[in-house]
PDB file of N, CA and C in Angstrom:
ATOM      1  N   MET A   1     112.710  79.531 113.146  1.00  0.00           N
ATOM      2  CA  MET A   1     111.801  81.088 113.551  1.00  0.00           C
ATOM      3  C   MET A   1     112.775  82.078 113.144  1.00  0.00           C
ATOM      4  N   ASP A   2     113.817  82.186 113.205  1.00  0.00           N
ATOM      5  CA  ASP A   2     115.130  83.315 112.634  1.00  0.00           C
ATOM      6  C   ASP A   2     114.763  83.344 111.134  1.00  0.00           C
ATOM      7  N   ARG A   3     114.459  82.499 110.533  1.00  0.00           N
ATOM      8  CA  ARG A   3     114.201  82.539 108.783  1.00  0.00           C
ATOM      9  C   ARG A   3     113.122  82.995 108.599  1.00  0.00           C
ATOM     10  N   ALA A   4     111.770  82.714 109.241  1.00  0.00           N
ATOM     11  CA  ALA A   4     110.580  83.475 109.343  1.00  0.00           C
ATOM     12  C   ALA A   4     110.755  84.818 109.486  1.00  0.00           C
ATOM     13  N   ARG A   5     111.195  85.239 110.706  1.00  0.00           N
ATOM     14  CA  ARG A   5     111.658  86.787 111.086  1.00  0.00           C
ATOM     15  C   ARG A   5     112.107  87.479 110.332  1.00  0.00           C
ATOM     16  N   GLU A   6     113.026  87.031 109.804  1.00  0.00           N
ATOM     17  CA  GLU A   6     114.196  87.837 108.739  1.00  0.00           C
ATOM     18  C   GLU A   6     113.102  87.812 107.446  1.00  0.00           C
ATOM     19  N   ALA A   7     112.468  86.938 106.780  1.00  0.00           N
ATOM     20  CA  ALA A   7     111.686  87.014 105.537  1.00  0.00           C
ATOM     21  C   ALA A   7     110.746  88.094 106.217  1.00  0.00           C
ATOM     22  N   TRP A   8     109.925  88.151 107.310  1.00  0.00           N
ATOM     23  CA  TRP A   8     109.202  89.375 107.232  1.00  0.00           C
ATOM     24  C   TRP A   8     109.433  90.771 107.562  1.00  0.00           C
ATOM     25  N   ARG A   9     110.679  90.660 108.190  1.00  0.00           N
ATOM     26  CA  ARG A   9     111.673  92.073 108.462  1.00  0.00           C
ATOM     27  C   ARG A   9     111.462  92.580 106.633  1.00  0.00           C
ATOM     28  N   GLU A  10     112.112  91.806 105.654  1.00  0.00           N
ATOM     29  CA  GLU A  10     112.379  92.237 104.650  1.00  0.00           C
ATOM     30  C   GLU A  10     111.188  92.650 103.822  1.00  0.00           C
ATOM     31  N   PHE A  11     109.854  92.004 104.056  1.00  0.00           N
ATOM     32  CA  PHE A  11     108.672  92.503 103.539  1.00  0.00           C
ATOM     33  C   PHE A  11     108.338  93.640 104.285  1.00  0.00           C
ATOM     34  N   PHE A  12     108.139  94.135 105.391  1.00  0.00           N
ATOM     35  CA  PHE A  12     107.889  95.230 106.162  1.00  0.00           C
ATOM     36  C   PHE A  12     108.914  96.566 105.635  1.00  0.00           C
ATOM     37  N   HIS A  13     109.920  96.020 105.151  1.00  0.00           N
ATOM     38  CA  HIS A  13     110.789  97.103 104.813  1.00  0.00           C
ATOM     39  C   HIS A  13     110.915  97.592 103.337  1.00  0.00           C
ATOM     40  N   GLN A  14     109.833  96.927 102.704  1.00  0.00           N
ATOM     41  CA  GLN A  14     109.476  97.374 100.786  1.00  0.00           C
ATOM     42  C   GLN A  14     108.809  98.583 101.271  1.00  0.00           C
ATOM     43  N   PRO A  15     108.801  99.222  99.770  1.00  0.00           N
ATOM     44  CA  PRO A  15     107.965 100.430 100.008  1.00  0.00           C
ATOM     45  C   PRO A  15     106.226 100.148 100.190  1.00  0.00           C
ATOM     46  N   MET A  16     105.794 101.216 100.742  1.00  0.00           N
ATOM     47  CA  MET A  16     104.086 101.246 100.801  1.00  0.00           C
ATOM     48  C   MET A  16     103.513 100.687  99.881  1.00  0.00           C
ATOM     49  N   GLU A  17     103.670 100.855  98.526  1.00  0.00           N
ATOM     50  CA  GLU A  17     103.020 100.610  97.139  1.00  0.00           C
ATOM     51  C   GLU A  17     102.932  98.874  97.129  1.00  0.00           C
ATOM     52  N   VAL A  18     104.346  98.284  97.603  1.00  0.00           N
ATOM     53  CA  VAL A  18     104.187  96.797  97.394  1.00  0.00           C
ATOM     54  C   VAL A  18     103.463  96.402  98.525  1.00  0.00           C
ATOM     55  N   LYS A  19     103.454  96.878  99.981  1.00  0.00           N
ATOM     56  CA  LYS A  19     102.877  96.412 101.013  1.00  0.00           C
ATOM     57  C   LYS A  19     101.211  96.428 100.739  1.00  0.00           C
ATOM     58  N   GLN A  20     100.639  97.599  99.997  1.00  0.00           N
ATOM     59  CA  GLN A  20      99.508  97.770 100.128  1.00  0.00           C
ATOM     60  C   GLN A  20      98.816  96.546  99.255  1.00  0.00           C
ATOM     61  N   ARG A  21      99.537  96.226  98.159  1.00  0.00           N
ATOM     62  CA  ARG A  21      98.848  95.213  97.300  1.00  0.00           C
ATOM     63  C   ARG A  21      98.376  94.030  98.150  1.00  0.00           C
ATOM     64  N   TYR A  22      98.935  93.596  99.113  1.00  0.00           N
ATOM     65  CA  TYR A  22      98.128  92.873 100.079  1.00  0.00           C
ATOM     66  C   TYR A  22      97.301  93.334 101.195  1.00  0.00           C
ATOM     67  N   ALA A  23      96.908  94.486 100.817  1.00  0.00           N
ATOM     68  CA  ALA A  23      96.079  95.210 102.364  1.00  0.00           C
ATOM     69  C   ALA A  23      94.928  94.039 102.717  1.00  0.00           C
ATOM     70  N   ASN A  24      94.622  94.291 104.215  1.00  0.00           N
ATOM     71  CA  ASN A  24      93.803  93.362 104.405  1.00  0.00           C
ATOM     72  C   ASN A  24      92.370  93.795 104.074  1.00  0.00           C
ATOM     73  N   SER A  25      91.393  92.975 104.506  1.00  0.00           N
ATOM     74  CA  SER A  25      89.908  93.342 104.121  1.00  0.00           C
ATOM     75  C   SER A  25      89.220  93.173 105.398  1.00  0.00           C
ATOM     76  N   PRO A  26      88.253  93.878 105.947  1.00  0.00           N
ATOM     77  CA  PRO A  26      87.261  93.979 107.046  1.00  0.00           C
ATOM     78  C   PRO A  26      86.795  92.653 106.848  1.00  0.00           C
ATOM     79  N   MET A  27      86.425  91.911 105.760  1.00  0.00           N
ATOM     80  CA  MET A  27      85.815  90.552 105.998  1.00  0.00           C
ATOM     81  C   MET A  27      86.492  89.523 106.828  1.00  0.00           C
ATOM     82  N   THR A  28      88.115  89.606 106.635  1.00  0.00           N
ATOM     83  CA  THR A  28      88.430  88.274 106.937  1.00  0.00           C
ATOM     84  C   THR A  28      90.029  89.041 107.743  1.00  0.00           C
ATOM     85  N   TYR A  29      90.096  90.065 107.837  1.00  0.00           N
ATOM     86  CA  TYR A  29      91.184  90.927 108.473  1.00  0.00           C
ATOM     87  C   TYR A  29      92.801  90.088 107.857  1.00  0.00           C
ATOM     88  N   GLU A  30      92.591  89.473 106.963  1.00  0.00           N
ATOM     89  CA  GLU A  30      94.005  88.710 106.560  1.00  0.00           C
ATOM     90  C   GLU A  30      94.684  89.595 105.460  1.00  0.00           C
ATOM     91  N   GLY A  31      96.098  89.895 105.769  1.00  0.00           N
ATOM     92  CA  GLY A  31      96.729  90.570 104.931  1.00  0.00           C
ATOM     93  C   GLY A  31      97.600  91.731 105.670  1.00  0.00           C
ATOM     94  N   TYR A  32      98.060  92.655 104.963  1.00  0.00           N
ATOM     95  CA  TYR A  32      98.608  93.778 105.761  1.00  0.00           C
ATOM     96  C   TYR A  32      98.025  94.790 106.166  1.00  0.00           C
ATOM     97  N   GLY A  33      98.207  95.165 107.127  1.00  0.00           N
ATOM     98  CA  GLY A  33      97.610  96.317 107.678  1.00  0.00           C
ATOM     99  C   GLY A  33      98.559  97.461 108.667  1.00  0.00           C
ATOM    100  N   SER A  34      97.961  98.363 109.147  1.00  0.00           N
ATOM    101  CA  SER A  34      98.690  99.241 109.626  1.00  0.00           C
ATOM    102  C   SER A  34      97.893 100.007 110.995  1.00  0.00           C
ATOM    103  N   ARG A  35      98.228 100.279 111.758  1.00  0.00           N
ATOM    104  CA  ARG A  35      97.441 100.943 112.862  1.00  0.00           C
ATOM    105  C   ARG A  35      98.231 101.828 113.909  1.00  0.00           C
ATOM    106  N   LEU A  36      97.410 103.018 114.501  1.00  0.00           N
ATOM    107  CA  LEU A  36      97.987 103.650 115.248  1.00  0.00           C
ATOM    108  C   LEU A  36      97.551 103.537 116.743  1.00  0.00           C
ATOM    109  N   GLY A  37      98.251 103.117 117.688  1.00  0.00           N
ATOM    110  CA  GLY A  37      97.684 102.982 119.018  1.00  0.00           C
ATOM    111  C   GLY A  37      97.550 104.317 119.624  1.00  0.00           C
ATOM    112  N   VAL A  38      96.470 104.407 120.183  1.00  0.00           N
ATOM    113  CA  VAL A  38      96.380 105.959 120.875  1.00  0.00           C
ATOM    114  C   VAL A  38      95.781 105.743 122.358  1.00  0.00           C
ATOM    115  N   GLN A  39      96.782 106.482 122.928  1.00  0.00           N
ATOM    116  CA  GLN A  39      96.186 106.418 124.473  1.00  0.00           C
ATOM    117  C   GLN A  39      96.270 107.455 125.350  1.00  0.00           C
ATOM    118  N   LYS A  40      95.337 107.971 126.009  1.00  0.00           N
ATOM    119  CA  LYS A  40      95.396 109.390 126.414  1.00  0.00           C
ATOM    120  C   LYS A  40      96.432 109.623 127.053  1.00  0.00           C
ATOM    121  N   GLY A  41      97.440 110.556 126.796  1.00  0.00           N
ATOM    122  CA  GLY A  41      98.501 110.980 127.668  1.00  0.00           C
ATOM    123  C   GLY A  41      99.522 110.034 127.440  1.00  0.00           C
ATOM    124  N   ALA A  42      99.803 109.114 126.301  1.00  0.00           N
ATOM    125  CA  ALA A  42     100.833 108.475 126.316  1.00  0.00           C
ATOM    126  C   ALA A  42     101.447 108.639 125.014  1.00  0.00           C
ATOM    127  N   VAL A  43     102.653 108.076 124.750  1.00  0.00           N
ATOM    128  CA  VAL A  43     103.287 108.234 123.557  1.00  0.00           C
ATOM    129  C   VAL A  43     102.803 107.417 122.249  1.00  0.00           C
ATOM    130  N   LEU A  44     102.485 108.174 121.101  1.00  0.00           N
ATOM    131  CA  LEU A  44     101.487 107.198 120.098  1.00  0.00           C
ATOM    132  C   LEU A  44     102.489 105.874 119.942  1.00  0.00           C
ATOM    133  N   ASP A  45     102.130 104.875 119.439  1.00  0.00           N
ATOM    134  CA  ASP A  45     102.575 103.747 119.164  1.00  0.00           C
ATOM    135  C   ASP A  45     101.917 103.234 117.826  1.00  0.00           C
ATOM    136  N   TRP A  46     102.708 103.315 116.699  1.00  0.00           N
ATOM    137  CA  TRP A  46     102.454 102.845 115.254  1.00  0.00           C
ATOM    138  C   TRP A  46     102.943 101.742 115.095  1.00  0.00           C
ATOM    139  N   SER A  47     102.199 100.734 114.490  1.00  0.00           N
ATOM    140  CA  SER A  47     102.399  99.240 114.167  1.00  0.00           C
ATOM    141  C   SER A  47     102.093  99.005 112.930  1.00  0.00           C
ATOM    142  N   ASP A  48     102.856  98.163 112.071  1.00  0.00           N
ATOM    143  CA  ASP A  48     102.317  97.424 110.877  1.00  0.00           C
ATOM    144  C   ASP A  48     101.973  95.820 111.033  1.00  0.00           C
ATOM    145  N   TYR A  49     101.242  95.014 110.882  1.00  0.00           N
ATOM    146  CA  TYR A  49     100.908  93.731 110.845  1.00  0.00           C
ATOM    147  C   TYR A  49     100.670  93.219 109.878  1.00  0.00           C
ATOM    148  N   TYR A  50     100.507  91.763 110.034  1.00  0.00           N
ATOM    149  CA  TYR A  50     100.048  90.930 108.818  1.00  0.00           C
ATOM    150  C   TYR A  50      99.537  89.832 109.247  1.00  0.00           C
ATOM    151  N   PHE A  51      98.486  89.463 108.940  1.00  0.00           N
ATOM    152  CA  PHE A  51      97.760  88.241 109.648  1.00  0.00           C
ATOM    153  C   PHE A  51      97.398  87.476 108.539  1.00  0.00           C
ATOM    154  N   LEU A  52      97.686  86.201 108.779  1.00  0.00           N
ATOM    155  CA  LEU A  52      97.281  85.142 107.591  1.00  0.00           C
ATOM    156  C   LEU A  52      96.730  84.086 108.342  1.00  0.00           C
ATOM    157  N   HIS A  53      96.094  83.245 107.664  1.00  0.00           N
ATOM    158  CA  HIS A  53      95.540  81.927 108.068  1.00  0.00           C
ATOM    159  C   HIS A  53      96.380  81.084 107.528  1.00  0.00           C
ATOM    160  N   TYR A  54      96.924  80.164 108.455  1.00  0.00           N
ATOM    161  CA  TYR A  54      97.766  78.870 108.157  1.00  0.00           C
ATOM    162  C   TYR A  54      97.157  77.342 107.855  1.00  0.00           C
ATOM    163  N   LEU A  55      96.243  77.283 109.171  1.00  0.00           N
ATOM    164  CA  LEU A  55      95.557  76.360 109.543  1.00  0.00           C
ATOM    165  C   LEU A  55      94.025  76.638 109.745  1.00  0.00           C
ATOM    166  N   PRO A  56      93.169  75.815 109.579  1.00  0.00           N
ATOM    167  CA  PRO A  56      93.157  74.818 108.481  1.00  0.00           C
ATOM    168  C   PRO A  56      93.488  75.426 107.166  1.00  0.00           C
ATOM    169  N   PRO A  57      93.906  74.354 106.427  1.00  0.00           N
ATOM    170  CA  PRO A  57      94.409  74.800 104.853  1.00  0.00           C
ATOM    171  C   PRO A  57      93.072  75.609 103.969  1.00  0.00           C
ATOM    172  N   ALA A  58      91.518  75.132 104.152  1.00  0.00           N
ATOM    173  CA  ALA A  58      90.620  75.642 103.845  1.00  0.00           C
ATOM    174  C   ALA A  58      90.447  77.224 103.899  1.00  0.00           C
ATOM    175  N   LEU A  59      91.041  77.520 105.024  1.00  0.00           N
ATOM    176  CA  LEU A  59      90.956  79.053 105.095  1.00  0.00           C
ATOM    177  C   LEU A  59      92.324  79.851 104.521  1.00  0.00           C
ATOM    178  N   LYS A  60      93.097  79.278 104.459  1.00  0.00           N
ATOM    179  CA  LYS A  60      94.172  79.809 103.546  1.00  0.00           C
ATOM    180  C   LYS A  60      94.125  80.558 102.217  1.00  0.00           C
ATOM    181  N   ASP A  61      94.128  81.827 102.159  1.00  0.00           N
ATOM    182  CA  ASP A  61      94.224  82.478 100.943  1.00  0.00           C
ATOM    183  C   ASP A  61      95.434  82.668 100.609  1.00  0.00           C
ATOM    184  N   HIS A  62      95.888  82.268  99.454  1.00  0.00           N
ATOM    185  CA  HIS A  62      97.326  82.251  98.860  1.00  0.00           C
ATOM    186  C   HIS A  62      97.537  83.598  98.129  1.00  0.00           C
ATOM    187  N   ASP A  63      96.395  84.308  97.771  1.00  0.00           N
ATOM    188  CA  ASP A  63      96.598  85.482  97.072  1.00  0.00           C
ATOM    189  C   ASP A  63      97.112  86.523  98.146  1.00  0.00           C
ATOM    190  N   LYS A  64      96.908  86.378  99.626  1.00  0.00           N
ATOM    191  CA  LYS A  64      97.123  87.133 100.649  1.00  0.00           C
ATOM    192  C   LYS A  64      98.797  86.616 101.053  1.00  0.00           C
ATOM    193  N   TRP A  65      99.393  85.819 100.652  1.00  0.00           N
ATOM    194  CA  TRP A  65     100.771  85.548 100.754  1.00  0.00           C
ATOM    195  C   TRP A  65     101.753  86.174 100.023  1.00  0.00           C
ATOM    196  N   PRO A  66     102.642  86.905 100.396  1.00  0.00           N
ATOM    197  CA  PRO A  66     103.356  87.695  99.295  1.00  0.00           C
ATOM    198  C   PRO A  66     104.280  87.120  98.809  1.00  0.00           C
ATOM    199  N   SER A  67     104.752  87.603  97.532  1.00  0.00           N
ATOM    200  CA  SER A  67     105.689  86.689  96.785  1.00  0.00           C
ATOM    201  C   SER A  67     106.974  87.116  96.883  1.00  0.00           C
ATOM    202  N   LEU A  68     106.823  88.456  97.431  1.00  0.00           N
ATOM    203  CA  LEU A  68     108.426  88.955  97.906  1.00  0.00           C
ATOM    204  C   LEU A  68     108.588  89.361  99.286  1.00  0.00           C
ATOM    205  N   PRO A  69     109.854  89.017 100.131  1.00  0.00           N
ATOM    206  CA  PRO A  69     110.644  88.137  99.709  1.00  0.00           C
ATOM    207  C   PRO A  69     110.393  86.781  99.427  1.00  0.00           C
ATOM    208  N   SER A  70     110.792  85.874  98.534  1.00  0.00           N
ATOM    209  CA  SER A  70     110.456  84.690  98.345  1.00  0.00           C
ATOM    210  C   SER A  70     110.626  83.623  99.482  1.00  0.00           C
ATOM    211  N   ASP A  71     111.319  84.051 100.509  1.00  0.00           N
ATOM    212  CA  ASP A  71     111.324  83.032 101.780  1.00  0.00           C
ATOM    213  C   ASP A  71     110.067  83.064 102.823  1.00  0.00           C
ATOM    214  N   ILE A  72     109.174  83.997 102.199  1.00  0.00           N
ATOM    215  CA  ILE A  72     107.981  84.146 102.857  1.00  0.00           C
ATOM    216  C   ILE A  72     107.133  82.694 102.617  1.00  0.00           C
ATOM    217  N   ARG A  73     107.023  82.792 101.387  1.00  0.00           N
ATOM    218  CA  ARG A  73     106.362  81.345 101.228  1.00  0.00           C
ATOM    219  C   ARG A  73     107.022  80.320 101.233  1.00  0.00           C
ATOM    220  N   SER A  74     108.580  79.878 101.329  1.00  0.00           N
ATOM    221  CA  SER A  74     108.944  78.669 101.622  1.00  0.00           C
ATOM    222  C   SER A  74     109.271  78.537 102.860  1.00  0.00           C
ATOM    223  N   VAL A  75     109.020  79.349 103.956  1.00  0.00           N
ATOM    224  CA  VAL A  75     109.489  79.072 105.372  1.00  0.00           C
ATOM    225  C   VAL A  75     108.416  77.982 106.026  1.00  0.00           C
ATOM    226  N   LYS A  76     108.769  76.780 106.610  1.00  0.00           N
ATOM    227  CA  LYS A  76     107.597  75.683 106.784  1.00  0.00           C
ATOM    228  C   LYS A  76     107.750  75.831 108.537  1.00  0.00           C
ATOM    229  N   VAL A  77     106.763  75.732 108.573  1.00  0.00           N
ATOM    230  CA  VAL A  77     106.293  75.447 110.224  1.00  0.00           C
ATOM    231  C   VAL A  77     106.739  73.835 110.534  1.00  0.00           C
ATOM    232  N   PRO A  78     107.815  73.838 111.504  1.00  0.00           N
ATOM    233  CA  PRO A  78     107.961  72.172 111.731  1.00  0.00           C
ATOM    234  C   PRO A  78     106.760  71.492 112.004  1.00  0.00           C
ATOM    235  N   SER A  79     106.643  69.898 111.544  1.00  0.00           N
ATOM    236  CA  SER A  79     105.764  69.207 112.004  1.00  0.00           C
ATOM    237  C   SER A  79     105.492  68.642 113.413  1.00  0.00           C
ATOM    238  N   GLN A  80     104.713  68.460 114.063  1.00  0.00           N
ATOM    239  CA  GLN A  80     104.879  68.022 115.498  1.00  0.00           C
ATOM    240  C   GLN A  80     104.907  66.599 115.676  1.00  0.00           C
TER     241      GLN A  80
END
């Protein structure tokens, strides 16, 4: 889990141009996105996110998996 967290942290620290290559689409929401949480009278909350399908394999879009940092594609989920 620590390796996965660090790999994604590296992704989110890349320049916006790199992150935008993996921008999500309204059809699947898969990929990189960013949103501003707004609540009346509250401090604005900005968040970046990345949504991926992992299982079932038929839904996994390999084009949405970033190539950098390289650890993102190599971090595996332990088998149960």
